[in-house]
Each structure stands twice: as structure tokens, then as C-alpha cells.
Amino acid sequence: MSNPAVEVNDLHKYFGNVKALEGLSFTVKPGEIYGLIGPNGAGKTTALRILATLIKPSAGSAKIFGIDVERSPEKVRRLISYLPEEAGAYKNLSGIEYLEFMAAFYSKDRDEARESVLEAARISGLEERLRDRVKTYSKGMTRRLLIARALMMKPRLAILDEPTSGLDIVHAYHIRRVIQNYVAKYGVTVLLSSHNMLEVEFLCSRVALINRGKILIEGTPAEIKSRYGVNNLEEAFMEATKNWPAY
């Protein structure tokens, strides 16, 4: 039996007296799009940063394809790509120069780098604008370039933090379609976070509603809506938290 793509078990993370994660546990299957959804400050980004080997957990464990993120971070980094919410690109490079630079950094040889750049150009959909400097791009165009960078190396796991946050309908739609098509074509696993529950409902095969560092409920969007007898995940989240005390 193959290892899960992601296996998180009783994960805790404290920043001083602040409890960012309190016993987080979930599993992501290979080849699926899994969403951690909840409001800002729920713990989504902290969980993704631990999985991306950027910070260490205070307690509990997390594994990527059976490899412990704390014990073997270098091995994990060879399997993943990570796109933070506030990621940026080098503004004085053109889009294609940025992709060439990143491909050269991560590729084994020139042929692989060339193929990666061609793939990234296709993913971005920016066409002739790739010749322009990144500083002339809109936020949506920059995000498309960064998504292309995250996927061009065909990682086994793509970790995407708020991939469409703040984007207009056209750019958000493009990124959602890119993620869906990439998973279907290459079998890449995607773990993403979002506070846009309606969007994630259409994108993810399974989701976990998270609040205050804990998972409230996990399942397919249809299962979660059915459990609470509601029409969408926003309503499900409100039902799941209605008896929680105020901050």
C-alpha cells in the first residue's frame, strides 16, 4: 500500500503564548486536490509552512509521502513546491527571464530547464507579456507567473497558500483551471489553503474546515453540506462554529 501524499498527526504549534495549531490531523491522498479552509488566522498558513519545512512543529508529526518533514527536510524539499500567499518575483526581470532563472536553479541540466520554461510559459497563459518586465504586471498576472513557477517542475506535491487571494474573476478562474488540469494531466497532488470557501467548494475533492488551529470537520464538499443540511461551505462553517465562545 502506497504512502499518503500528506500525513499530519496531532500537530501543535505555539508562538510564545499563542496557540496556532492545536492537535491538527488530516491525510491527503496522492493525486487529489485537498483544501484547508477557514478564516484568516485559523492556522492554515502555519500548517502549510510546517509541511514546506520552513518552521518546525512544537509537537506532533507531519510526513510527505512517508518522509518526516522535521527529520528529513532536504528529502521533502525535493518532492514539493511551495507558493506563499505573499510571494513575489524579481521585478526587473522579464517574465521569461524569471522562469529561466528559476528553472536553472532547480533543474538537473539544460534540457530539463528548457522543458520546464516551455511548460511554465504554457501554464501561465501570459503569451507575449512574458517578454515584459514583471514590474509592469498586474497582481493577477504576477500570480499566474508564480503558479507557473510552482508547477513547472512537476512536483509530487504542490503546496499553495491562498493561490487566488485578491484576484479578479478572470485571473482566479485561470488559476483554478490550471490547478485542475495539472492534477488531471500529471497526477500531481495539491494541498491548498483558502478563506474563500465557495471557490474551494468547486476546486477541491476533499476539504477540512479549520478554525483556531483545529479541524472542525473533514470530507467532500457534498458530505459536509449534507451533514449540516446547508447549501454551501460558508453556511456549513457558520453552523460548525455557532456554539464556539467569542474570542
Protein backbone atom coordinates (compact mmCIF):
# COMPACT_ATOMS: atom_id res chain seq x y z
CA MET A 1 0.00 0.00 0.00
CA SER A 2 1.43 3.40 -1.01
CA ASN A 3 2.07 6.17 1.48
CA PRO A 4 -0.35 9.08 1.73
CA ALA A 5 0.84 12.22 -0.01
CA VAL A 6 0.44 14.10 3.28
CA GLU A 7 0.00 12.63 6.74
CA VAL A 8 -0.43 15.06 9.64
CA ASN A 9 -0.87 13.64 13.12
CA ASP A 10 -1.75 15.66 16.25
CA LEU A 11 0.21 18.71 15.08
CA HIS A 12 0.74 21.56 17.54
CA LYS A 13 2.49 24.87 17.03
CA TYR A 14 2.96 27.61 19.62
CA PHE A 15 4.36 31.09 19.09
CA GLY A 16 5.01 32.16 22.65
CA ASN A 17 1.64 32.02 24.36
CA VAL A 18 -0.26 31.93 21.07
CA LYS A 19 -1.59 28.51 20.04
CA ALA A 20 -1.53 28.49 16.24
CA LEU A 21 -2.26 24.76 15.88
CA GLU A 22 -3.94 22.54 18.46
CA GLY A 23 -3.88 18.88 17.54
CA LEU A 24 -4.27 19.13 13.77
CA SER A 25 -4.66 15.77 12.00
CA PHE A 26 -5.51 15.03 8.36
CA THR A 27 -4.43 12.88 5.43
CA VAL A 28 -4.15 13.78 1.74
CA LYS A 29 -4.33 11.05 -0.87
CA PRO A 30 -1.96 11.04 -3.87
CA GLY A 31 -3.41 12.83 -6.88
CA GLU A 32 -6.12 14.80 -5.09
CA ILE A 33 -6.75 18.48 -4.51
CA TYR A 34 -7.21 18.97 -0.78
CA GLY A 35 -8.21 22.26 0.79
CA LEU A 36 -7.65 23.69 4.25
CA ILE A 37 -10.32 26.33 4.51
CA GLY A 38 -11.23 28.79 7.19
CA PRO A 39 -10.98 32.45 8.19
CA ASN A 40 -7.77 34.45 8.41
CA GLY A 41 -5.82 33.42 11.50
CA ALA A 42 -7.28 29.91 11.60
CA GLY A 43 -3.87 28.22 11.36
CA LYS A 44 -3.87 27.34 7.65
CA THR A 45 -0.62 29.10 6.75
CA THR A 46 1.16 27.75 9.82
CA ALA A 47 0.25 24.19 8.82
CA LEU A 48 1.47 24.75 5.25
CA ARG A 49 4.74 26.29 6.42
CA ILE A 50 5.43 23.26 8.61
CA LEU A 51 4.77 20.94 5.67
CA ALA A 52 7.02 23.07 3.49
CA THR A 53 9.82 22.60 6.10
CA LEU A 54 10.03 26.33 6.82
CA ILE A 55 9.16 26.05 10.51
CA LYS A 56 9.18 23.16 12.96
CA PRO A 57 6.15 21.89 14.88
CA SER A 58 6.01 22.21 18.65
CA ALA A 59 4.57 18.69 18.90
CA GLY A 60 3.10 16.02 16.66
CA SER A 61 4.33 14.83 13.28
CA ALA A 62 3.93 15.54 9.58
CA LYS A 63 5.04 13.39 6.66
CA ILE A 64 5.21 13.93 2.91
CA PHE A 65 5.00 10.62 1.01
CA GLY A 66 6.17 8.86 4.15
CA ILE A 67 9.12 11.22 4.81
CA ASP A 68 9.11 13.12 8.11
CA VAL A 69 9.31 16.87 7.46
CA GLU A 70 11.26 17.55 10.65
CA ARG A 71 13.75 14.67 10.45
CA SER A 72 14.42 14.77 6.68
CA PRO A 73 13.61 18.28 5.39
CA GLU A 74 16.04 18.08 2.44
CA LYS A 75 14.34 14.94 1.11
CA VAL A 76 10.94 16.59 1.46
CA ARG A 77 12.06 19.68 -0.44
CA ARG A 78 12.93 17.53 -3.44
CA LEU A 79 9.30 16.40 -3.65
CA ILE A 80 7.41 19.65 -3.15
CA SER A 81 6.91 23.16 -4.42
CA TYR A 82 5.59 25.87 -2.12
CA LEU A 83 3.89 29.11 -3.05
CA PRO A 84 3.30 31.54 -0.17
CA GLU A 85 0.39 33.95 -0.30
CA GLU A 86 2.67 36.99 -0.45
CA ALA A 87 5.27 35.55 -2.82
CA GLY A 88 6.84 37.88 -5.36
CA ALA A 89 9.00 37.70 -8.46
CA TYR A 90 12.08 39.71 -9.43
CA LYS A 91 10.50 42.88 -10.78
CA ASN A 92 13.36 43.96 -13.05
CA LEU A 93 13.41 40.66 -14.93
CA SER A 94 11.02 39.86 -17.72
CA GLY A 95 8.57 37.05 -17.06
CA ILE A 96 10.53 34.64 -19.24
CA GLU A 97 13.86 35.64 -17.63
CA TYR A 98 12.37 34.94 -14.21
CA LEU A 99 11.19 31.49 -15.31
CA GLU A 100 14.59 30.74 -16.89
CA PHE A 101 16.37 31.77 -13.70
CA MET A 102 14.15 29.58 -11.51
CA ALA A 103 14.35 26.63 -13.92
CA ALA A 104 18.16 26.79 -13.96
CA PHE A 105 18.16 26.82 -10.16
CA TYR A 106 16.01 23.68 -9.81
CA SER A 107 16.78 21.63 -12.94
CA LYS A 108 19.36 18.88 -13.31
CA ASP A 109 20.53 20.02 -16.76
CA ARG A 110 19.84 22.49 -19.57
CA ASP A 111 17.37 20.25 -21.37
CA GLU A 112 15.23 19.86 -18.28
CA ALA A 113 15.43 23.60 -17.64
CA ARG A 114 14.34 24.35 -21.21
CA GLU A 115 11.39 21.97 -20.96
CA SER A 116 10.37 23.48 -17.63
CA VAL A 117 10.36 27.01 -19.05
CA LEU A 118 8.23 25.93 -22.01
CA GLU A 119 5.83 24.23 -19.62
CA ALA A 120 5.69 27.29 -17.38
CA ALA A 121 5.01 29.58 -20.33
CA ARG A 122 2.09 27.37 -21.32
CA ILE A 123 0.73 27.23 -17.77
CA SER A 124 0.90 30.98 -17.26
CA GLY A 125 -1.07 31.84 -20.38
CA LEU A 126 0.73 35.18 -20.45
CA GLU A 127 2.00 34.72 -24.02
CA GLU A 128 3.69 37.87 -25.36
CA ARG A 129 3.58 39.56 -21.94
CA LEU A 130 6.29 37.17 -20.78
CA ARG A 131 8.74 39.42 -22.64
CA ASP A 132 7.79 42.38 -20.44
CA ARG A 133 9.30 43.16 -17.06
CA VAL A 134 7.48 41.77 -14.05
CA LYS A 135 7.15 45.27 -12.58
CA THR A 136 4.64 46.05 -15.36
CA TYR A 137 2.40 43.10 -14.40
CA SER A 138 -0.88 43.33 -12.54
CA LYS A 139 -1.29 41.30 -9.35
CA GLY A 140 -3.22 38.68 -11.31
CA MET A 141 -0.51 38.36 -13.97
CA THR A 142 2.19 38.06 -11.31
CA ARG A 143 0.25 35.35 -9.53
CA ARG A 144 -0.16 33.42 -12.80
CA LEU A 145 3.61 33.63 -13.32
CA LEU A 146 4.22 32.34 -9.79
CA ILE A 147 1.75 29.47 -10.16
CA ALA A 148 3.57 28.50 -13.36
CA ARG A 149 6.87 28.57 -11.46
CA ALA A 150 5.42 26.36 -8.71
CA LEU A 151 4.12 23.74 -11.14
CA MET A 152 6.68 23.74 -13.95
CA MET A 153 8.96 21.22 -12.22
CA LYS A 154 6.05 18.77 -11.84
CA PRO A 155 6.42 18.40 -8.06
CA ARG A 156 4.83 15.38 -6.42
CA LEU A 157 3.12 17.81 -4.03
CA ALA A 158 2.29 21.46 -4.71
CA ILE A 159 1.57 23.46 -1.55
CA LEU A 160 -0.33 26.63 -2.45
CA ASP A 161 -1.24 29.23 0.16
CA GLU A 162 -4.27 31.30 -0.91
CA PRO A 163 -3.48 30.85 -4.64
CA THR A 164 -6.22 33.23 -5.85
CA SER A 165 -6.38 35.69 -2.96
CA GLY A 166 -7.21 39.23 -4.10
CA LEU A 167 -7.51 38.33 -7.78
CA ASP A 168 -10.26 39.34 -10.16
CA ILE A 169 -12.62 36.79 -11.66
CA VAL A 170 -10.62 36.28 -14.89
CA HIS A 171 -7.27 35.58 -13.21
CA ALA A 172 -8.82 33.50 -10.41
CA TYR A 173 -10.66 31.39 -12.98
CA HIS A 174 -7.45 30.82 -14.96
CA ILE A 175 -5.56 29.65 -11.87
CA ARG A 176 -8.35 27.29 -10.80
CA ARG A 177 -8.43 25.71 -14.25
CA VAL A 178 -4.64 25.39 -14.31
CA ILE A 179 -4.65 23.54 -10.98
CA GLN A 180 -7.46 21.21 -12.04
CA ASN A 181 -5.90 20.44 -15.42
CA TYR A 182 -2.43 19.90 -13.98
CA VAL A 183 -3.68 17.37 -11.46
CA ALA A 184 -5.62 15.55 -14.17
CA LYS A 185 -2.67 15.52 -16.61
CA TYR A 186 0.28 14.72 -14.34
CA GLY A 187 -1.23 13.25 -11.19
CA VAL A 188 0.33 15.99 -9.06
CA THR A 189 -1.11 16.26 -5.55
CA VAL A 190 -2.21 19.73 -4.44
CA LEU A 191 -2.67 20.97 -0.89
CA LEU A 192 -4.01 24.49 -0.76
CA SER A 193 -5.40 26.93 1.76
CA SER A 194 -8.13 29.46 1.25
CA HIS A 195 -10.61 31.60 3.12
CA ASN A 196 -12.81 31.61 0.00
CA MET A 197 -15.00 28.65 0.82
CA LEU A 198 -17.27 28.97 -2.19
CA GLU A 199 -14.31 28.82 -4.56
CA VAL A 200 -12.75 25.83 -2.83
CA GLU A 201 -16.07 24.00 -2.97
CA PHE A 202 -15.71 23.83 -6.76
CA LEU A 203 -11.97 23.14 -6.80
CA CYS A 204 -11.22 20.56 -4.09
CA SER A 205 -12.08 16.88 -3.94
CA ARG A 206 -11.89 16.99 -0.14
CA VAL A 207 -11.67 19.81 2.37
CA ALA A 208 -11.11 20.39 6.06
CA LEU A 209 -12.84 23.27 7.81
CA ILE A 210 -10.29 24.72 10.24
CA ASN A 211 -10.69 27.29 12.97
CA ARG A 212 -8.38 28.32 15.84
CA GLY A 213 -5.87 25.64 14.92
CA LYS A 214 -8.34 22.77 14.97
CA ILE A 215 -10.20 20.87 12.26
CA LEU A 216 -13.93 21.13 12.73
CA ILE A 217 -14.97 18.67 10.05
CA GLU A 218 -13.39 16.95 7.05
CA GLY A 219 -14.83 15.35 3.93
CA THR A 220 -16.01 16.06 0.42
CA PRO A 221 -17.90 19.32 -0.01
CA ALA A 222 -21.09 17.30 -0.59
CA GLU A 223 -20.59 15.30 2.62
CA ILE A 224 -20.02 18.41 4.72
CA LYS A 225 -23.02 20.24 3.29
CA SER A 226 -25.19 17.18 3.81
CA ARG A 227 -24.12 16.83 7.44
CA TYR A 228 -25.28 20.33 8.27
CA GLY A 229 -28.16 20.46 5.81
CA VAL A 230 -26.88 23.62 4.13
CA ASN A 231 -26.31 24.86 0.59
CA ASN A 232 -22.61 25.77 0.70
CA LEU A 233 -19.45 25.51 2.78
CA GLU A 234 -19.76 29.03 4.18
CA GLU A 235 -23.05 28.06 5.78
CA ALA A 236 -21.51 24.78 6.99
CA PHE A 237 -18.68 26.70 8.66
CA MET A 238 -21.12 29.01 10.42
CA GLU A 239 -23.09 26.01 11.67
CA ALA A 240 -19.92 24.27 12.85
CA THR A 241 -18.79 27.29 14.88
CA LYS A 242 -22.10 28.71 16.12
CA ASN A 243 -21.62 27.34 19.64
CA TRP A 244 -18.00 28.43 19.94
CA PRO A 245 -17.33 31.14 22.53
CA ALA A 246 -16.25 34.53 21.21
CA TYR A 247 -12.55 35.41 21.23
